């Protein structure tokens, strides 16, 4: 057996509002809407970010995304108007947490 793909899922209250926020965060709209209540961004060959409408569970998700250029991501977030407290330096890398309107955390990590 081999696991070939990872789908990180962010659970939200309102799919349309969340899709707009994630579109701003990622710089493009979803790649797929495979079923009602679900939007997907295909970020790499074997990694997708799903946004799933489930109000009872919304706001308790975290995804960590390894970014190739954290400074470029910072500039993108500033242009998109997405608030954050800036990157944190750690011994291994810099990390940049952002929070979606439901309280889910997306953490970019990189140099």
N, C-alpha and C. Protein backbone atom coordinates (compact mmCIF):
# COMPACT_ATOMS: atom_id res chain seq x y z
N UNK A 1 0.84 -1.19 0.00
CA UNK A 1 0.00 0.00 0.00
C UNK A 1 0.88 1.24 0.00
N UNK A 2 0.45 2.25 -0.75
CA UNK A 2 1.18 3.50 -0.83
C UNK A 2 0.18 4.65 -0.86
N UNK A 3 0.37 5.60 0.03
CA UNK A 3 -0.45 6.82 0.00
C UNK A 3 0.15 7.72 -1.06
N UNK A 4 -0.67 8.19 -1.98
CA UNK A 4 -0.17 8.94 -3.12
C UNK A 4 -0.58 10.40 -3.15
N UNK A 5 -1.45 10.79 -2.25
CA UNK A 5 -1.96 12.16 -2.34
C UNK A 5 -2.42 12.62 -0.96
N UNK A 6 -2.27 13.91 -0.69
CA UNK A 6 -2.75 14.49 0.55
C UNK A 6 -3.73 15.61 0.22
N UNK A 7 -4.88 15.59 0.90
CA UNK A 7 -5.86 16.65 0.75
C UNK A 7 -6.06 17.26 2.14
N UNK A 8 -5.54 18.45 2.33
CA UNK A 8 -5.76 19.17 3.60
C UNK A 8 -7.12 19.83 3.49
N UNK A 9 -7.88 19.81 4.57
CA UNK A 9 -9.23 20.34 4.52
C UNK A 9 -9.45 21.41 5.57
N UNK A 10 -9.94 22.56 5.12
CA UNK A 10 -10.30 23.66 5.99
C UNK A 10 -11.83 23.68 6.05
N UNK A 11 -12.37 23.60 7.25
CA UNK A 11 -13.82 23.52 7.41
C UNK A 11 -14.36 24.91 7.74
N UNK A 12 -15.36 25.35 6.99
CA UNK A 12 -15.85 26.72 7.06
C UNK A 12 -17.37 26.76 7.22
N UNK A 13 -17.88 27.94 7.57
CA UNK A 13 -19.33 28.10 7.71
C UNK A 13 -20.00 28.41 6.38
N UNK A 14 -19.37 29.24 5.55
CA UNK A 14 -19.98 29.71 4.30
C UNK A 14 -19.00 29.50 3.17
N UNK A 15 -19.30 28.59 2.26
CA UNK A 15 -18.36 28.24 1.19
C UNK A 15 -18.09 29.42 0.26
N UNK A 16 -19.09 30.18 -0.10
CA UNK A 16 -18.87 31.30 -1.02
C UNK A 16 -17.94 32.34 -0.41
N UNK A 17 -18.18 32.72 0.84
CA UNK A 17 -17.31 33.70 1.51
C UNK A 17 -15.91 33.15 1.68
N UNK A 18 -15.81 31.89 2.09
CA UNK A 18 -14.49 31.29 2.28
C UNK A 18 -13.76 31.14 0.95
N UNK A 19 -14.46 30.78 -0.11
CA UNK A 19 -13.81 30.66 -1.42
C UNK A 19 -13.23 31.99 -1.87
N UNK A 20 -13.93 33.07 -1.60
CA UNK A 20 -13.40 34.40 -1.94
C UNK A 20 -12.13 34.68 -1.15
N UNK A 21 -12.12 34.35 0.15
CA UNK A 21 -10.94 34.59 0.98
C UNK A 21 -9.77 33.73 0.52
N UNK A 22 -9.99 32.44 0.27
CA UNK A 22 -8.92 31.54 -0.17
C UNK A 22 -8.44 31.90 -1.57
N UNK A 23 -9.33 32.42 -2.41
CA UNK A 23 -8.92 32.90 -3.72
C UNK A 23 -7.94 34.06 -3.56
N UNK A 24 -8.23 34.98 -2.65
CA UNK A 24 -7.30 36.08 -2.37
C UNK A 24 -6.00 35.55 -1.77
N UNK A 25 -6.10 34.61 -0.84
CA UNK A 25 -4.91 34.06 -0.19
C UNK A 25 -3.99 33.38 -1.18
N UNK A 26 -4.56 32.58 -2.08
CA UNK A 26 -3.75 31.77 -2.98
C UNK A 26 -3.52 32.42 -4.34
N UNK A 27 -4.20 33.53 -4.60
CA UNK A 27 -3.97 34.26 -5.84
C UNK A 27 -4.69 33.70 -7.05
N UNK A 28 -5.63 32.79 -6.83
CA UNK A 28 -6.42 32.22 -7.93
C UNK A 28 -7.61 31.47 -7.36
N UNK A 29 -8.60 31.30 -8.20
CA UNK A 29 -9.81 30.60 -7.77
C UNK A 29 -9.59 29.11 -7.66
N UNK A 30 -10.60 28.40 -7.15
CA UNK A 30 -10.48 26.96 -7.00
C UNK A 30 -10.33 26.25 -8.35
N UNK A 31 -9.61 25.15 -8.32
CA UNK A 31 -9.42 24.33 -9.52
C UNK A 31 -10.59 23.39 -9.77
N UNK A 32 -11.31 23.06 -8.70
CA UNK A 32 -12.42 22.12 -8.84
C UNK A 32 -13.45 22.37 -7.76
N UNK A 33 -14.67 22.03 -8.09
CA UNK A 33 -15.79 21.99 -7.13
C UNK A 33 -16.43 20.62 -7.32
N UNK A 34 -15.79 19.59 -6.74
CA UNK A 34 -16.20 18.21 -7.04
C UNK A 34 -17.57 17.81 -6.51
N UNK A 35 -18.11 18.57 -5.56
CA UNK A 35 -19.45 18.27 -5.04
C UNK A 35 -19.97 19.50 -4.31
N UNK A 36 -21.25 19.52 -4.01
CA UNK A 36 -21.82 20.64 -3.27
C UNK A 36 -21.09 20.81 -1.94
N UNK A 37 -20.78 22.05 -1.60
CA UNK A 37 -20.15 22.36 -0.33
C UNK A 37 -18.64 22.21 -0.31
N UNK A 38 -18.01 21.96 -1.46
CA UNK A 38 -16.57 21.70 -1.49
C UNK A 38 -15.90 22.44 -2.64
N UNK A 39 -14.79 23.11 -2.33
CA UNK A 39 -13.94 23.73 -3.35
C UNK A 39 -12.52 23.22 -3.12
N UNK A 40 -11.78 23.00 -4.21
CA UNK A 40 -10.41 22.48 -4.11
C UNK A 40 -9.44 23.34 -4.89
N UNK A 41 -8.28 23.55 -4.28
CA UNK A 41 -7.14 24.17 -4.95
C UNK A 41 -6.09 23.08 -5.10
N UNK A 42 -5.66 22.82 -6.33
CA UNK A 42 -4.62 21.83 -6.58
C UNK A 42 -3.28 22.56 -6.54
N UNK A 43 -2.58 22.43 -5.44
CA UNK A 43 -1.37 23.21 -5.20
C UNK A 43 -0.11 22.55 -5.74
N UNK A 44 -0.14 21.24 -5.88
CA UNK A 44 1.01 20.50 -6.38
C UNK A 44 0.50 19.17 -6.89
N UNK A 45 1.34 18.39 -7.51
CA UNK A 45 0.91 17.12 -8.10
C UNK A 45 0.16 16.23 -7.11
N UNK A 46 0.58 16.23 -5.87
CA UNK A 46 -0.01 15.30 -4.90
C UNK A 46 -0.50 16.00 -3.64
N UNK A 47 -0.79 17.30 -3.74
CA UNK A 47 -1.26 18.04 -2.57
C UNK A 47 -2.33 19.02 -2.99
N UNK A 48 -3.49 18.90 -2.33
CA UNK A 48 -4.61 19.80 -2.59
C UNK A 48 -5.08 20.42 -1.28
N UNK A 49 -5.63 21.60 -1.38
CA UNK A 49 -6.26 22.25 -0.24
C UNK A 49 -7.76 22.29 -0.52
N UNK A 50 -8.53 21.67 0.36
CA UNK A 50 -9.98 21.67 0.23
C UNK A 50 -10.58 22.65 1.21
N UNK A 51 -11.65 23.31 0.78
CA UNK A 51 -12.45 24.16 1.66
C UNK A 51 -13.84 23.55 1.67
N UNK A 52 -14.27 23.13 2.84
CA UNK A 52 -15.48 22.34 2.99
C UNK A 52 -16.45 23.05 3.92
N UNK A 53 -17.68 23.23 3.48
CA UNK A 53 -18.71 23.87 4.29
C UNK A 53 -19.30 22.86 5.28
N UNK A 54 -19.05 23.09 6.55
CA UNK A 54 -19.59 22.26 7.63
C UNK A 54 -19.64 23.15 8.87
N UNK A 55 -20.71 23.96 8.99
CA UNK A 55 -20.77 24.96 10.07
C UNK A 55 -20.55 24.39 11.47
N UNK A 56 -20.94 23.16 11.72
CA UNK A 56 -20.78 22.58 13.05
C UNK A 56 -19.32 22.35 13.42
N UNK A 57 -18.46 22.18 12.42
CA UNK A 57 -17.04 21.93 12.68
C UNK A 57 -16.14 23.08 12.25
N UNK A 58 -16.70 24.16 11.76
CA UNK A 58 -15.91 25.25 11.19
C UNK A 58 -14.97 25.89 12.21
N UNK A 59 -13.82 26.32 11.69
CA UNK A 59 -12.89 27.11 12.49
C UNK A 59 -11.89 26.33 13.31
N UNK A 60 -11.77 25.04 13.11
CA UNK A 60 -10.86 24.22 13.92
C UNK A 60 -9.80 23.51 13.06
N UNK A 61 -9.49 24.05 11.90
CA UNK A 61 -8.55 23.41 10.98
C UNK A 61 -7.24 24.18 10.93
N UNK A 62 -6.17 23.46 10.60
CA UNK A 62 -4.87 24.07 10.36
C UNK A 62 -4.21 23.36 9.19
N UNK A 63 -3.61 24.12 8.31
CA UNK A 63 -2.79 23.57 7.22
C UNK A 63 -1.47 24.31 7.24
N UNK A 64 -0.38 23.59 7.08
CA UNK A 64 0.96 24.17 6.99
C UNK A 64 1.43 23.98 5.55
N UNK A 65 1.77 25.08 4.90
CA UNK A 65 2.17 25.06 3.50
C UNK A 65 3.61 25.52 3.38
N UNK A 66 4.48 24.67 2.85
CA UNK A 66 5.87 25.04 2.62
C UNK A 66 5.92 25.94 1.39
N UNK A 67 6.39 27.15 1.58
CA UNK A 67 6.41 28.18 0.54
C UNK A 67 7.81 28.31 -0.03
N UNK A 68 7.93 28.41 -1.36
CA UNK A 68 9.24 28.54 -1.99
C UNK A 68 9.87 29.91 -1.74
N UNK A 69 9.06 30.95 -1.57
CA UNK A 69 9.58 32.30 -1.36
C UNK A 69 8.64 33.03 -0.39
N UNK A 70 8.99 33.03 0.88
CA UNK A 70 8.12 33.62 1.89
C UNK A 70 7.99 35.14 1.72
N UNK A 71 9.05 35.79 1.27
CA UNK A 71 8.97 37.24 1.05
C UNK A 71 7.99 37.57 -0.08
N UNK A 72 7.99 36.76 -1.11
CA UNK A 72 7.02 36.95 -2.19
C UNK A 72 5.60 36.72 -1.67
N UNK A 73 5.43 35.72 -0.82
CA UNK A 73 4.10 35.46 -0.22
C UNK A 73 3.67 36.66 0.62
N UNK A 74 4.58 37.23 1.40
CA UNK A 74 4.26 38.42 2.19
C UNK A 74 3.78 39.56 1.30
N UNK A 75 4.46 39.79 0.19
CA UNK A 75 4.06 40.86 -0.73
C UNK A 75 2.68 40.55 -1.31
N UNK A 76 2.44 39.29 -1.65
CA UNK A 76 1.13 38.91 -2.18
C UNK A 76 0.03 39.17 -1.15
N UNK A 77 0.27 38.79 0.10
CA UNK A 77 -0.74 38.99 1.14
C UNK A 77 -1.02 40.47 1.35
N UNK A 78 0.02 41.30 1.31
CA UNK A 78 -0.17 42.74 1.46
C UNK A 78 -1.04 43.28 0.32
N UNK A 79 -0.74 42.84 -0.89
CA UNK A 79 -1.51 43.28 -2.06
C UNK A 79 -2.97 42.80 -1.97
N UNK A 80 -3.17 41.59 -1.45
CA UNK A 80 -4.52 41.01 -1.34
C UNK A 80 -5.28 41.53 -0.13
N UNK A 81 -4.61 42.27 0.75
CA UNK A 81 -5.27 42.81 1.93
C UNK A 81 -5.53 41.78 3.02
N UNK A 82 -4.73 40.73 3.04
CA UNK A 82 -4.89 39.69 4.07
C UNK A 82 -3.99 40.03 5.25
N UNK A 83 -4.62 40.19 6.40
CA UNK A 83 -3.92 40.61 7.61
C UNK A 83 -3.15 39.45 8.23
N UNK A 84 -2.03 39.81 8.84
CA UNK A 84 -1.19 38.85 9.57
C UNK A 84 -0.28 39.66 10.49
N UNK A 85 0.39 38.97 11.38
CA UNK A 85 1.30 39.63 12.32
C UNK A 85 2.76 39.55 11.89
N UNK A 86 3.00 39.15 10.67
CA UNK A 86 4.36 39.04 10.16
C UNK A 86 4.95 37.68 10.44
N UNK A 87 6.09 37.41 9.80
CA UNK A 87 6.72 36.10 9.98
C UNK A 87 7.44 36.00 11.33
N UNK A 88 7.52 34.79 11.80
CA UNK A 88 8.26 34.47 13.02
C UNK A 88 9.50 33.68 12.63
N UNK A 89 10.64 34.02 13.21
CA UNK A 89 11.86 33.26 12.95
C UNK A 89 11.94 32.10 13.91
N UNK A 90 12.21 30.92 13.39
CA UNK A 90 12.43 29.73 14.19
C UNK A 90 13.78 29.16 13.79
N UNK A 91 14.33 28.25 14.56
CA UNK A 91 15.63 27.67 14.17
C UNK A 91 15.59 26.98 12.80
N UNK A 92 14.46 26.42 12.42
CA UNK A 92 14.39 25.67 11.16
C UNK A 92 13.99 26.53 9.97
N UNK A 93 13.14 27.53 10.18
CA UNK A 93 12.65 28.35 9.07
C UNK A 93 11.89 29.55 9.62
N UNK A 94 11.33 30.33 8.73
CA UNK A 94 10.40 31.37 9.13
C UNK A 94 9.00 30.83 8.95
N UNK A 95 8.09 31.22 9.81
CA UNK A 95 6.71 30.79 9.70
C UNK A 95 5.82 32.02 9.68
N UNK A 96 4.78 31.96 8.88
CA UNK A 96 3.85 33.07 8.72
C UNK A 96 2.43 32.55 8.88
N UNK A 97 1.87 32.67 10.08
CA UNK A 97 0.49 32.23 10.27
C UNK A 97 -0.50 33.30 9.83
N UNK A 98 -1.56 32.86 9.18
CA UNK A 98 -2.70 33.72 8.84
C UNK A 98 -3.96 32.97 9.29
N UNK A 99 -5.01 33.72 9.54
CA UNK A 99 -6.26 33.13 10.03
C UNK A 99 -7.39 33.52 9.10
N UNK A 100 -8.17 32.53 8.67
CA UNK A 100 -9.30 32.83 7.80
C UNK A 100 -10.47 33.38 8.62
N UNK A 101 -11.52 33.87 7.99
CA UNK A 101 -12.63 34.47 8.73
C UNK A 101 -13.33 33.54 9.73
N UNK A 102 -13.20 32.23 9.55
CA UNK A 102 -13.81 31.28 10.50
C UNK A 102 -12.88 30.93 11.66
N UNK A 103 -11.62 31.35 11.59
CA UNK A 103 -10.66 31.03 12.65
C UNK A 103 -9.71 29.89 12.31
N UNK A 104 -9.81 29.32 11.11
CA UNK A 104 -8.84 28.31 10.68
C UNK A 104 -7.49 28.97 10.46
N UNK A 105 -6.42 28.20 10.72
CA UNK A 105 -5.07 28.74 10.53
C UNK A 105 -4.42 28.13 9.31
N UNK A 106 -3.84 28.99 8.49
CA UNK A 106 -2.98 28.58 7.39
C UNK A 106 -1.60 29.12 7.76
N UNK A 107 -0.63 28.23 7.83
CA UNK A 107 0.72 28.61 8.21
C UNK A 107 1.63 28.39 7.02
N UNK A 108 2.22 29.46 6.52
CA UNK A 108 3.22 29.35 5.46
C UNK A 108 4.57 29.23 6.15
N UNK A 109 5.41 28.36 5.65
CA UNK A 109 6.76 28.21 6.19
C UNK A 109 7.76 28.25 5.06
N UNK A 110 8.89 28.85 5.31
CA UNK A 110 9.93 28.95 4.28
C UNK A 110 11.00 29.91 4.71
N UNK A 111 11.85 30.26 3.80
CA UNK A 111 12.94 31.21 4.06
C UNK A 111 12.72 32.50 3.33
